[in-house]
Amino acid sequence: MGRANRPGSFRACKIAAHPDPPGAVAEPKAVNATEPLLLNAARGKEVERPPVWLMRQAGSYQLLCEKHPSFRERSENVDLVVEISLQPWEVFKPDGVILFSDILTPLSGMNIPFDIVKGKGPIIFDPIRTAADVEKVREFTPDESVPYVGEALTILRKEVNNEAALLGFVGAPFTLASYVVEGGSSKHFSKIKRLAFSEPKVLHALLQKFATSMAKYIQYQADKGAQAVQIFDSWATELSPVDFEEFSLPYLKQIVDTESVPIQISHLYFDMAEGRKRLGPNVAVQGNVDPGVLFGSKEFITERIKDTVRKAGKGKHILNLGHGIVVGTPEENVAHFLRLLRDLDTRKWGFRVKG
């Protein structure tokens, strides 16, 4: 079955929109009381145009990578997290500013040692494959294990000042489990599938620990200033529909039900018209332009954006890529992508570019 036909292949993205956290921002600099456009769209309100934002950084971020080659250093240092998170905002002014972090950041606090090695990606030092291994996994306590995340979010909330929505994010239980069972990235996911199909109780116990911990992490990020939190289930694409319904969907529902928030769905391989047809007109959707489109001409990018927004329908749509920005993407095309919607006449919803 092709990816485009799998219900489980909705990738990377449930967004949980939160009200302003009480006490999270102290002594703001002239607070902007206007609700960010992205939050209004996420909550299903009428908006003048689809909000737009992108995942991952480009341009000057690469210079910081050379100066600070360790990803964990960049993502666990408050000053660097704030600087990197603000880079796209300062240059392009998107409608969302996302925390610079990684979905694996909580693992150390759950007694799962890991590292992210340049050229290799994530490495789990002690993969989890037995009931005894799962027993050793601790429930995540964010304020003890990742205080730098809270500090960075509080600073970012002040800096962005409601001119855009501040976004946090977490990994979905199945995707996190895939990394820790496989021992890192994988091509075939044979180890987690072996666990799922031979010892499902063990995998379910691990998934439940991740679901409980990620719900706490979402609330922590909201308390510290995040106005929406995105859940990435990148590896749910590896599950058949029946397996998705057993090993991924229940835990996503558990997290979202805990938060009582709207859901946004984005997927690189899923046609937006088909997604809208399946979900109906009352569910907010997100996405889902192919990142490779940004290597095309500005005219080509414009047509793809118009096509995606038309298919999503008026309102209840947040525009972004189906995945992060690809290394080497021309920065002027990123700028074109982010600025285009501000120059579209959406009143007629024919997307006539203003002259």
Protein backbone atom coordinates (compact mmCIF):
# COMPACT_ATOMS: atom_id res chain seq x y z
CA MET A 1 0.00 0.00 0.00
CA GLY A 2 1.42 3.38 -1.00
CA ARG A 3 2.02 6.05 1.58
CA ALA A 4 -0.63 8.32 0.12
CA ASN A 5 -3.30 5.70 0.90
CA ARG A 6 -2.35 5.00 4.49
CA PRO A 7 -4.40 6.62 7.24
CA GLY A 8 -1.35 6.11 9.40
CA SER A 9 0.85 8.14 7.12
CA PHE A 10 -0.28 11.53 8.39
CA ARG A 11 3.16 12.61 9.49
CA ALA A 12 4.55 15.16 11.84
CA CYS A 13 1.86 17.08 13.19
CA LYS A 14 -0.68 17.51 15.73
CA ILE A 15 -0.76 21.05 17.14
CA ALA A 16 -2.12 21.73 20.60
CA ALA A 17 -3.15 25.35 20.99
CA HIS A 18 -2.96 26.78 24.49
CA PRO A 19 -4.34 29.92 26.09
CA ASP A 20 -1.85 32.37 27.49
CA PRO A 21 -0.21 30.65 30.49
CA PRO A 22 -0.85 32.41 33.79
CA GLY A 23 2.29 33.90 35.27
CA ALA A 24 4.53 32.59 32.50
CA VAL A 25 5.66 36.01 31.27
CA ALA A 26 6.78 38.45 33.93
CA GLU A 27 7.06 42.19 33.33
CA PRO A 28 6.57 42.13 29.54
CA LYS A 29 7.68 44.99 27.37
CA ALA A 30 4.32 46.55 26.37
CA VAL A 31 2.30 43.39 25.85
CA ASN A 32 0.66 42.96 22.46
CA ALA A 33 -2.89 41.86 23.30
CA THR A 34 -3.74 40.83 19.73
CA GLU A 35 -4.13 37.07 19.36
CA PRO A 36 -1.61 35.63 16.87
CA LEU A 37 -3.07 34.74 13.48
CA LEU A 38 -1.80 31.16 13.70
CA LEU A 39 -3.67 30.51 16.95
CA ASN A 40 -6.90 31.83 15.48
CA ALA A 41 -6.55 29.49 12.50
CA ALA A 42 -5.70 26.55 14.76
CA ARG A 43 -8.85 27.18 16.77
CA GLY A 44 -10.96 27.28 13.63
CA LYS A 45 -11.68 31.00 13.66
CA GLU A 46 -12.08 33.09 10.51
CA VAL A 47 -8.74 34.56 9.42
CA GLU A 48 -7.88 37.00 6.66
CA ARG A 49 -5.28 34.64 5.19
CA PRO A 50 -3.66 31.32 6.05
CA PRO A 51 -0.82 31.80 8.55
CA VAL A 52 2.55 30.45 7.44
CA TRP A 53 5.68 29.19 9.19
CA LEU A 54 8.53 26.76 8.53
CA MET A 55 10.38 24.11 10.51
CA ARG A 56 14.17 24.27 10.79
CA GLN A 57 16.58 27.07 10.15
CA ALA A 58 18.60 28.23 7.17
CA GLY A 59 21.22 30.83 6.39
CA SER A 60 23.14 32.12 9.43
CA TYR A 61 22.21 28.98 11.39
CA GLN A 62 24.91 27.16 9.45
CA LEU A 63 27.51 29.59 10.82
CA LEU A 64 26.43 28.73 14.36
CA CYS A 65 26.76 25.04 13.51
CA GLU A 66 30.39 25.61 12.58
CA LYS A 67 31.06 27.45 15.83
CA HIS A 68 29.08 25.00 17.95
CA PRO A 69 29.25 21.64 16.12
CA SER A 70 27.46 19.63 18.82
CA PHE A 71 23.70 19.59 18.26
CA ARG A 72 23.07 18.92 21.92
CA GLU A 73 25.15 21.95 22.85
CA ARG A 74 23.10 24.11 20.51
CA SER A 75 19.78 22.72 21.74
CA GLU A 76 20.55 22.64 25.47
CA ASN A 77 22.13 26.07 25.89
CA VAL A 78 19.52 28.75 26.64
CA ASP A 79 21.31 31.58 24.82
CA LEU A 80 21.89 29.47 21.70
CA VAL A 81 18.34 28.10 21.71
CA VAL A 82 16.92 31.62 21.86
CA GLU A 83 19.28 32.95 19.19
CA ILE A 84 18.61 30.09 16.77
CA SER A 85 14.85 30.13 17.38
CA LEU A 86 14.67 33.85 16.62
CA GLN A 87 16.79 33.80 13.44
CA PRO A 88 13.92 33.03 11.01
CA TRP A 89 11.63 35.43 12.88
CA GLU A 90 14.06 38.32 12.66
CA VAL A 91 14.68 37.79 8.95
CA PHE A 92 11.33 36.61 7.55
CA LYS A 93 8.68 37.42 10.21
CA PRO A 94 6.68 34.15 9.86
CA ASP A 95 3.42 33.67 11.76
CA GLY A 96 4.94 31.02 14.01
CA VAL A 97 8.25 30.87 15.90
CA ILE A 98 9.20 27.35 16.91
CA LEU A 99 11.52 26.43 19.75
CA PHE A 100 14.89 25.12 18.57
CA SER A 101 15.11 21.69 20.18
CA ASP A 102 14.85 18.00 19.35
CA ILE A 103 12.18 15.40 19.99
CA LEU A 104 14.81 13.26 21.77
CA THR A 105 15.66 15.98 24.30
CA PRO A 106 13.58 14.35 27.09
CA LEU A 107 15.32 10.96 26.83
CA SER A 108 18.17 11.64 29.26
CA GLY A 109 15.60 12.64 31.87
CA MET A 110 13.86 9.30 31.33
CA ASN A 111 17.04 7.33 32.03
CA ILE A 112 17.69 6.71 28.32
CA PRO A 113 21.23 7.98 27.54
CA PHE A 114 21.67 9.23 23.97
CA ASP A 115 23.64 11.55 21.74
CA ILE A 116 23.18 13.13 18.32
CA VAL A 117 26.33 12.67 16.27
CA LYS A 118 27.08 14.70 13.18
CA GLY A 119 26.88 12.49 10.11
CA LYS A 120 25.24 9.64 12.02
CA GLY A 121 22.21 11.14 13.71
CA PRO A 122 20.76 9.90 17.00
CA ILE A 123 22.52 7.13 18.91
CA ILE A 124 20.80 5.37 21.83
CA PHE A 125 23.53 3.89 23.98
CA ASP A 126 21.35 1.22 25.64
CA PRO A 127 18.46 0.30 23.31
CA ILE A 128 15.23 -0.79 25.01
CA ARG A 129 14.03 -4.21 23.89
CA THR A 130 12.83 -6.15 26.96
CA ALA A 131 10.35 -5.74 29.79
CA ALA A 132 13.28 -5.23 32.17
CA ASP A 133 14.58 -2.40 29.96
CA VAL A 134 11.16 -0.73 29.98
CA GLU A 135 10.99 -1.02 33.75
CA LYS A 136 14.12 1.15 34.02
CA VAL A 137 12.56 4.00 32.02
CA ARG A 138 11.57 6.84 34.33
CA GLU A 139 8.63 9.17 33.93
CA PHE A 140 9.83 12.52 32.62
CA THR A 141 9.95 15.51 34.98
CA PRO A 142 10.63 18.52 32.71
CA ASP A 143 11.45 21.15 35.31
CA GLU A 144 14.17 18.91 36.72
CA SER A 145 15.56 17.48 33.47
CA VAL A 146 15.22 20.27 30.90
CA PRO A 147 15.00 23.61 32.73
CA TYR A 148 16.75 25.26 29.77
CA VAL A 149 13.67 24.56 27.64
CA GLY A 150 11.45 26.46 30.05
CA GLU A 151 13.91 29.34 30.34
CA ALA A 152 14.21 29.63 26.56
CA LEU A 153 10.44 29.57 26.03
CA THR A 154 9.88 32.31 28.60
CA ILE A 155 12.48 34.53 26.92
CA LEU A 156 11.10 33.80 23.46
CA ARG A 157 7.55 34.61 24.51
CA LYS A 158 8.70 38.06 25.62
CA GLU A 159 10.72 38.63 22.45
CA VAL A 160 8.00 37.57 20.02
CA ASN A 161 5.36 39.41 22.06
CA ASN A 162 2.30 37.93 20.33
CA GLU A 163 3.40 39.19 16.90
CA ALA A 164 3.60 35.49 16.04
CA ALA A 165 2.60 32.32 17.86
CA LEU A 166 5.32 30.69 19.94
CA LEU A 167 5.44 26.97 19.19
CA GLY A 168 6.90 24.16 21.22
CA PHE A 169 7.03 20.52 20.20
CA VAL A 170 7.38 16.95 21.38
CA GLY A 171 7.84 13.55 19.80
CA ALA A 172 4.92 11.14 19.52
CA PRO A 173 5.15 7.94 21.59
CA PHE A 174 5.58 5.59 18.62
CA THR A 175 8.30 7.72 17.00
CA LEU A 176 10.20 8.02 20.29
CA ALA A 177 9.85 4.28 20.85
CA SER A 178 11.18 3.63 17.35
CA TYR A 179 14.40 5.47 18.12
CA VAL A 180 14.99 3.86 21.51
CA VAL A 181 14.18 0.32 20.36
CA GLU A 182 16.11 0.54 17.09
CA GLY A 183 19.05 2.25 18.82
CA GLY A 184 18.84 5.27 16.52
CA SER A 185 17.64 5.92 13.00
CA SER A 186 16.52 2.96 10.94
CA LYS A 187 15.73 2.00 7.36
CA HIS A 188 13.61 -1.08 7.98
CA PHE A 189 12.37 -0.69 11.59
CA SER A 190 12.75 -4.43 12.05
CA LYS A 191 13.54 -4.29 15.75
CA ILE A 192 10.50 -2.31 16.82
CA LYS A 193 8.26 -4.37 14.55
CA ARG A 194 9.67 -7.55 16.05
CA LEU A 195 8.85 -6.18 19.50
CA ALA A 196 5.39 -5.04 18.39
CA PHE A 197 4.43 -8.35 16.86
CA SER A 198 6.16 -10.77 19.25
CA GLU A 199 5.86 -8.95 22.58
CA PRO A 200 3.19 -6.26 22.15
CA LYS A 201 2.68 -5.87 25.91
CA VAL A 202 6.28 -4.73 26.29
CA LEU A 203 5.92 -2.14 23.53
CA HIS A 204 2.61 -0.92 24.92
CA ALA A 205 4.21 -0.43 28.33
CA LEU A 206 6.94 1.69 26.73
CA LEU A 207 4.43 3.66 24.65
CA GLN A 208 2.38 4.40 27.75
CA LYS A 209 5.41 5.80 29.55
CA PHE A 210 6.11 8.06 26.59
CA ALA A 211 2.46 9.16 26.36
CA THR A 212 2.32 10.09 30.04
CA SER A 213 5.66 11.88 29.88
CA MET A 214 4.90 13.81 26.68
CA ALA A 215 1.58 15.01 28.08
CA LYS A 216 3.51 16.42 31.04
CA TYR A 217 6.09 17.94 28.68
CA ILE A 218 3.40 19.66 26.62
CA GLN A 219 1.89 21.18 29.73
CA TYR A 220 5.33 22.29 30.92
CA GLN A 221 6.02 24.03 27.60
CA ALA A 222 2.61 25.72 27.72
CA ASP A 223 3.22 26.89 31.29
CA LYS A 224 6.54 28.40 30.22
CA GLY A 225 5.15 30.35 27.28
CA ALA A 226 4.45 28.06 24.32
CA GLN A 227 1.10 28.95 22.73
CA ALA A 228 0.91 25.81 20.63
CA VAL A 229 2.76 22.50 20.78
CA GLN A 230 3.31 20.26 17.79
CA ILE A 231 3.53 16.48 18.13
CA PHE A 232 5.82 14.80 15.60
CA ASP A 233 4.96 11.22 14.67
CA SER A 234 7.47 10.93 11.85
CA TRP A 235 7.76 7.15 11.89
CA ALA A 236 4.04 6.37 11.97
CA THR A 237 4.49 6.15 8.19
CA GLU A 238 6.10 2.75 8.80
CA LEU A 239 2.88 1.30 10.22
CA SER A 240 0.03 -0.28 8.28
CA PRO A 241 -3.41 1.17 9.04
CA VAL A 242 -4.29 -1.62 11.48
CA ASP A 243 -0.97 -1.31 13.28
CA PHE A 244 -1.21 2.48 13.36
CA GLU A 245 -4.54 2.12 15.14
CA GLU A 246 -2.96 -0.12 17.77
CA PHE A 247 0.49 1.34 18.34
CA SER A 248 0.23 5.04 17.51
CA LEU A 249 -3.27 6.49 17.37
CA PRO A 250 -4.45 5.57 20.91
CA TYR A 251 -1.45 7.29 22.47
CA LEU A 252 -1.84 10.40 20.30
CA LYS A 253 -5.50 10.57 21.31
CA GLN A 254 -4.55 10.13 24.94
CA ILE A 255 -2.18 13.11 24.80
CA VAL A 256 -4.54 15.34 22.83
CA ASP A 257 -7.54 14.44 25.00
CA THR A 258 -5.52 15.37 28.06
CA GLU A 259 -4.84 18.79 26.55
CA SER A 260 -8.38 19.32 25.15
CA VAL A 261 -7.10 21.16 22.09
CA PRO A 262 -7.65 21.25 18.29
CA ILE A 263 -5.59 19.01 16.00
CA GLN A 264 -3.69 20.09 12.87
CA ILE A 265 -2.52 17.50 10.34
CA SER A 266 0.22 17.86 7.76
CA HIS A 267 1.88 15.29 5.54
CA LEU A 268 4.37 15.57 2.75
CA TYR A 269 2.95 12.64 0.76
CA PHE A 270 -0.75 13.33 1.26
CA ASP A 271 -2.72 15.44 -1.18
CA MET A 272 -4.33 18.32 0.70
CA ALA A 273 -7.65 17.89 -1.12
CA GLU A 274 -7.81 14.24 -0.06
CA GLY A 275 -6.90 15.19 3.50
CA ARG A 276 -9.65 17.81 3.61
CA LYS A 277 -12.13 15.32 2.14
CA ARG A 278 -11.35 12.76 4.84
CA LEU A 279 -11.31 15.23 7.73
CA GLY A 280 -14.24 17.40 6.69
CA PRO A 281 -14.51 21.19 6.73
CA ASN A 282 -14.49 21.73 10.50
CA VAL A 283 -11.00 20.38 11.31
CA ALA A 284 -8.02 22.71 11.04
CA VAL A 285 -5.25 21.31 8.85
CA GLN A 286 -1.60 22.17 8.41
CA GLY A 287 0.87 21.82 5.57
CA ASN A 288 1.91 20.49 3.28
CA VAL A 289 4.04 21.80 0.41
CA ASP A 290 6.89 19.46 -0.59
CA PRO A 291 10.17 20.98 0.70
CA GLY A 292 11.73 20.24 -2.69
CA VAL A 293 9.42 22.83 -4.25
CA LEU A 294 11.66 25.53 -2.74
CA PHE A 295 14.35 24.55 -5.22
CA GLY A 296 12.07 25.64 -8.07
CA SER A 297 11.44 29.05 -9.58
CA LYS A 298 9.43 31.66 -7.71
CA GLU A 299 6.62 31.20 -10.22
CA PHE A 300 6.60 27.46 -9.54
CA ILE A 301 6.60 28.01 -5.77
CA THR A 302 3.71 30.46 -6.09
CA GLU A 303 1.58 28.01 -8.06
CA ARG A 304 2.21 25.19 -5.56
CA ILE A 305 1.28 27.43 -2.65
CA LYS A 306 -1.92 28.54 -4.40
CA ASP A 307 -2.79 24.92 -5.16
CA THR A 308 -2.27 23.82 -1.56
CA VAL A 309 -4.24 26.69 -0.06
CA ARG A 310 -7.12 26.28 -2.52
CA LYS A 311 -7.37 22.57 -1.67
CA ALA A 312 -7.29 23.26 2.05
CA GLY A 313 -10.19 25.67 1.69
CA LYS A 314 -10.92 29.00 3.27
CA GLY A 315 -9.88 29.21 6.91
CA LYS A 316 -8.81 26.42 9.27
CA HIS A 317 -5.50 26.04 7.42
CA ILE A 318 -1.92 26.74 8.45
CA LEU A 319 0.53 26.71 5.55
CA ASN A 320 3.95 25.14 5.89
CA LEU A 321 6.11 22.43 4.37
CA GLY A 322 5.42 18.73 4.74
CA HIS A 323 8.83 18.49 6.42
CA GLY A 324 11.71 20.76 7.39
CA ILE A 325 13.75 22.93 5.06
CA VAL A 326 16.28 20.88 3.08
CA VAL A 327 19.94 21.85 3.42
CA GLY A 328 20.97 23.98 0.44
CA THR A 329 17.53 25.51 -0.14
CA PRO A 330 17.98 29.01 -1.64
CA GLU A 331 17.28 31.54 1.09
CA GLU A 332 15.54 33.89 -1.33
CA ASN A 333 13.03 31.11 -2.05
CA VAL A 334 12.39 30.65 1.67
CA ALA A 335 11.68 34.38 1.85
CA HIS A 336 9.32 34.13 -1.14
CA PHE A 337 7.44 31.23 0.47
CA LEU A 338 6.97 33.05 3.77
CA ARG A 339 6.06 36.43 2.33
CA LEU A 340 3.82 35.39 -0.54
CA LEU A 341 0.59 35.01 1.41
CA ARG A 342 0.88 38.53 2.76
CA ASP A 343 0.59 39.75 -0.82
CA LEU A 344 -2.39 37.62 -1.79
CA ASP A 345 -5.91 39.00 -2.07
CA THR A 346 -7.79 36.35 -0.12
CA ARG A 347 -11.08 38.20 -0.01
CA LYS A 348 -12.11 36.73 -3.35
CA TRP A 349 -10.28 33.52 -2.46
CA GLY A 350 -9.03 33.39 -6.01
CA PHE A 351 -5.55 34.20 -4.77
CA ARG A 352 -4.90 37.09 -7.07
CA VAL A 353 -1.43 38.39 -6.27
CA LYS A 354 -1.62 42.07 -5.50
CA GLY A 355 0.22 44.13 -8.03
